[in-house]
Amino acid sequence: MPKYVNSFDNRKIDILFFEKYTDLNRRKQAIQLINLFNNSSKKIEKIEYGNYTKDKMVELANNSKFIVYFSFLDIGGIDLKEIQNHGVFAFSHQKDIVIRKKNKLFYS
């Protein structure tokens, strides 16, 4: 568990965009999505799996409201769980974690 969790209202980063391409390289799609986010008034920070320190991940997690976990075929990544421990709400669309119920989709 984290030693300190920043208040949601005090967080300056609206969306933490976490890229992980260990299984499928979807960088082109990530660029398209980032461009859509950049056209909004939201503050976006990008982080890529394996290219950060633990301290940097904690700093970003403690200052982010939401995370878009842009990964494919990766279930229950520890990095996502650690970031969620700081109170960051996650959006992820992965085939294995989508629940279908009467034509509705629910995302983790």
C-alpha atoms as a PDB file:
ATOM      1  CA  MET A   1       0.000   0.000   0.000  1.00  0.00           C
ATOM      2  CA  PRO A   2       1.165   3.552  -0.706  1.00  0.00           C
ATOM      3  CA  LYS A   3       2.451   5.668   2.160  1.00  0.00           C
ATOM      4  CA  TYR A   4       0.534   8.705   0.904  1.00  0.00           C
ATOM      5  CA  VAL A   5      -2.419   9.090  -1.471  1.00  0.00           C
ATOM      6  CA  ASN A   6      -3.085  12.561  -2.804  1.00  0.00           C
ATOM      7  CA  SER A   7      -6.649  13.882  -2.656  1.00  0.00           C
ATOM      8  CA  PHE A   8      -8.522  13.483  -5.940  1.00  0.00           C
ATOM      9  CA  ASP A   9      -9.285  17.219  -5.992  1.00  0.00           C
ATOM     10  CA  ASN A  10      -5.579  18.097  -5.716  1.00  0.00           C
ATOM     11  CA  ARG A  11      -4.474  16.032  -8.714  1.00  0.00           C
ATOM     12  CA  LYS A  12      -3.204  18.054 -11.678  1.00  0.00           C
ATOM     13  CA  ILE A  13      -3.119  15.301 -14.339  1.00  0.00           C
ATOM     14  CA  ASP A  14      -6.501  14.408 -15.812  1.00  0.00           C
ATOM     15  CA  ILE A  15      -5.402  11.329 -17.763  1.00  0.00           C
ATOM     16  CA  LEU A  16      -2.320   9.167 -17.432  1.00  0.00           C
ATOM     17  CA  PHE A  17      -1.873   7.372 -20.760  1.00  0.00           C
ATOM     18  CA  PHE A  18       0.004   4.141 -20.043  1.00  0.00           C
ATOM     19  CA  GLU A  19       1.363   2.360 -23.107  1.00  0.00           C
ATOM     20  CA  LYS A  20       2.424  -1.288 -23.001  1.00  0.00           C
ATOM     21  CA  TYR A  21       3.343  -3.114 -26.190  1.00  0.00           C
ATOM     22  CA  THR A  22       4.783  -6.416 -25.013  1.00  0.00           C
ATOM     23  CA  ASP A  23       2.261  -8.433 -27.051  1.00  0.00           C
ATOM     24  CA  LEU A  24       0.962  -6.251 -29.876  1.00  0.00           C
ATOM     25  CA  ASN A  25       2.420  -3.004 -31.170  1.00  0.00           C
ATOM     26  CA  ARG A  26      -0.461  -0.562 -31.484  1.00  0.00           C
ATOM     27  CA  ARG A  27       1.571   2.667 -31.493  1.00  0.00           C
ATOM     28  CA  LYS A  28      -0.303   4.054 -34.512  1.00  0.00           C
ATOM     29  CA  GLN A  29      -3.622   3.660 -32.691  1.00  0.00           C
ATOM     30  CA  ALA A  30      -2.109   5.197 -29.553  1.00  0.00           C
ATOM     31  CA  ILE A  31      -1.032   8.268 -31.512  1.00  0.00           C
ATOM     32  CA  GLN A  32      -4.563   8.656 -32.880  1.00  0.00           C
ATOM     33  CA  LEU A  33      -6.061   8.394 -29.390  1.00  0.00           C
ATOM     34  CA  ILE A  34      -3.519  10.803 -27.881  1.00  0.00           C
ATOM     35  CA  ASN A  35      -4.310  13.302 -30.655  1.00  0.00           C
ATOM     36  CA  LEU A  36      -7.993  13.127 -29.727  1.00  0.00           C
ATOM     37  CA  PHE A  37      -7.128  13.737 -26.071  1.00  0.00           C
ATOM     38  CA  ASN A  38      -4.825  16.611 -27.000  1.00  0.00           C
ATOM     39  CA  ASN A  39      -7.751  18.324 -28.726  1.00  0.00           C
ATOM     40  CA  SER A  40      -9.494  18.549 -25.356  1.00  0.00           C
ATOM     41  CA  SER A  41      -8.763  20.801 -22.418  1.00  0.00           C
ATOM     42  CA  LYS A  42      -7.539  17.828 -20.346  1.00  0.00           C
ATOM     43  CA  LYS A  43      -3.988  17.559 -19.044  1.00  0.00           C
ATOM     44  CA  ILE A  44      -2.476  14.342 -20.395  1.00  0.00           C
ATOM     45  CA  GLU A  45       0.748  12.611 -19.341  1.00  0.00           C
ATOM     46  CA  LYS A  46       2.211   9.634 -21.187  1.00  0.00           C
ATOM     47  CA  ILE A  47       4.199   6.798 -19.687  1.00  0.00           C
ATOM     48  CA  GLU A  48       5.469   3.674 -21.415  1.00  0.00           C
ATOM     49  CA  TYR A  49       6.044   0.328 -19.760  1.00  0.00           C
ATOM     50  CA  GLY A  50       9.674  -0.191 -18.811  1.00  0.00           C
ATOM     51  CA  ASN A  51      10.666   3.453 -19.335  1.00  0.00           C
ATOM     52  CA  TYR A  52      10.156   4.867 -15.856  1.00  0.00           C
ATOM     53  CA  THR A  53      11.403   4.482 -12.309  1.00  0.00           C
ATOM     54  CA  LYS A  54       9.268   3.368  -9.382  1.00  0.00           C
ATOM     55  CA  ASP A  55       9.480   6.914  -7.946  1.00  0.00           C
ATOM     56  CA  LYS A  56       8.288   8.436 -11.242  1.00  0.00           C
ATOM     57  CA  MET A  57       5.373   5.978 -11.414  1.00  0.00           C
ATOM     58  CA  VAL A  58       4.336   6.862  -7.837  1.00  0.00           C
ATOM     59  CA  GLU A  59       4.575  10.592  -8.608  1.00  0.00           C
ATOM     60  CA  LEU A  60       2.410  10.253 -11.722  1.00  0.00           C
ATOM     61  CA  ALA A  61      -0.089   7.950  -9.996  1.00  0.00           C
ATOM     62  CA  ASN A  62      -0.459  10.320  -7.066  1.00  0.00           C
ATOM     63  CA  ASN A  63      -1.163  13.221  -9.403  1.00  0.00           C
ATOM     64  CA  SER A  64      -3.468  11.514 -11.932  1.00  0.00           C
ATOM     65  CA  LYS A  65      -7.234  11.194 -11.837  1.00  0.00           C
ATOM     66  CA  PHE A  66      -7.685   8.550 -14.549  1.00  0.00           C
ATOM     67  CA  ILE A  67      -5.505   6.076 -16.390  1.00  0.00           C
ATOM     68  CA  VAL A  68      -5.990   4.771 -19.886  1.00  0.00           C
ATOM     69  CA  TYR A  69      -4.186   1.438 -19.760  1.00  0.00           C
ATOM     70  CA  PHE A  70      -3.351   0.966 -23.431  1.00  0.00           C
ATOM     71  CA  SER A  71      -2.231  -2.647 -23.468  1.00  0.00           C
ATOM     72  CA  PHE A  72      -3.309  -5.775 -25.276  1.00  0.00           C
ATOM     73  CA  LEU A  73      -3.490  -9.368 -24.063  1.00  0.00           C
ATOM     74  CA  ASP A  74      -2.088  -8.322 -20.688  1.00  0.00           C
ATOM     75  CA  ILE A  75      -4.354  -9.229 -17.798  1.00  0.00           C
ATOM     76  CA  GLY A  76      -3.807  -7.881 -14.310  1.00  0.00           C
ATOM     77  CA  GLY A  77      -0.520  -6.112 -14.959  1.00  0.00           C
ATOM     78  CA  ILE A  78       1.123  -5.263 -11.632  1.00  0.00           C
ATOM     79  CA  ASP A  79       1.913  -1.763 -12.881  1.00  0.00           C
ATOM     80  CA  LEU A  80      -1.801  -1.085 -13.386  1.00  0.00           C
ATOM     81  CA  LYS A  81      -2.623  -2.466  -9.928  1.00  0.00           C
ATOM     82  CA  GLU A  82       0.046  -0.292  -8.297  1.00  0.00           C
ATOM     83  CA  ILE A  83      -1.276   2.819 -10.018  1.00  0.00           C
ATOM     84  CA  GLN A  84      -4.855   1.958  -9.002  1.00  0.00           C
ATOM     85  CA  ASN A  85      -3.670   1.697  -5.380  1.00  0.00           C
ATOM     86  CA  HIS A  86      -3.177   5.464  -5.523  1.00  0.00           C
ATOM     87  CA  GLY A  87      -6.866   6.001  -6.263  1.00  0.00           C
ATOM     88  CA  VAL A  88      -6.580   6.349 -10.032  1.00  0.00           C
ATOM     89  CA  PHE A  89      -9.668   5.224 -11.956  1.00  0.00           C
ATOM     90  CA  ALA A  90      -8.780   2.886 -14.836  1.00  0.00           C
ATOM     91  CA  PHE A  91     -10.077   2.590 -18.374  1.00  0.00           C
ATOM     92  CA  SER A  92      -8.940  -0.472 -20.257  1.00  0.00           C
ATOM     93  CA  HIS A  93     -10.374  -2.281 -23.228  1.00  0.00           C
ATOM     94  CA  GLN A  94      -9.054  -5.768 -23.512  1.00  0.00           C
ATOM     95  CA  LYS A  95     -10.774  -8.754 -25.026  1.00  0.00           C
ATOM     96  CA  ASP A  96     -10.286 -10.893 -21.919  1.00  0.00           C
ATOM     97  CA  ILE A  97     -11.735  -8.396 -19.414  1.00  0.00           C
ATOM     98  CA  VAL A  98     -14.820  -7.138 -21.227  1.00  0.00           C
ATOM     99  CA  ILE A  99     -18.030  -8.466 -19.753  1.00  0.00           C
ATOM    100  CA  ARG A 100     -20.988  -8.724 -22.119  1.00  0.00           C
ATOM    101  CA  LYS A 101     -24.451  -8.581 -20.650  1.00  0.00           C
ATOM    102  CA  LYS A 102     -27.494  -8.101 -22.875  1.00  0.00           C
ATOM    103  CA  ASN A 103     -25.661  -6.106 -25.550  1.00  0.00           C
ATOM    104  CA  LYS A 104     -23.940  -3.851 -22.994  1.00  0.00           C
ATOM    105  CA  LEU A 105     -20.225  -3.651 -22.360  1.00  0.00           C
ATOM    106  CA  PHE A 106     -18.645  -3.119 -18.970  1.00  0.00           C
ATOM    107  CA  TYR A 107     -14.978  -2.240 -18.687  1.00  0.00           C
ATOM    108  CA  SER A 108     -12.609  -2.699 -15.791  1.00  0.00           C
END
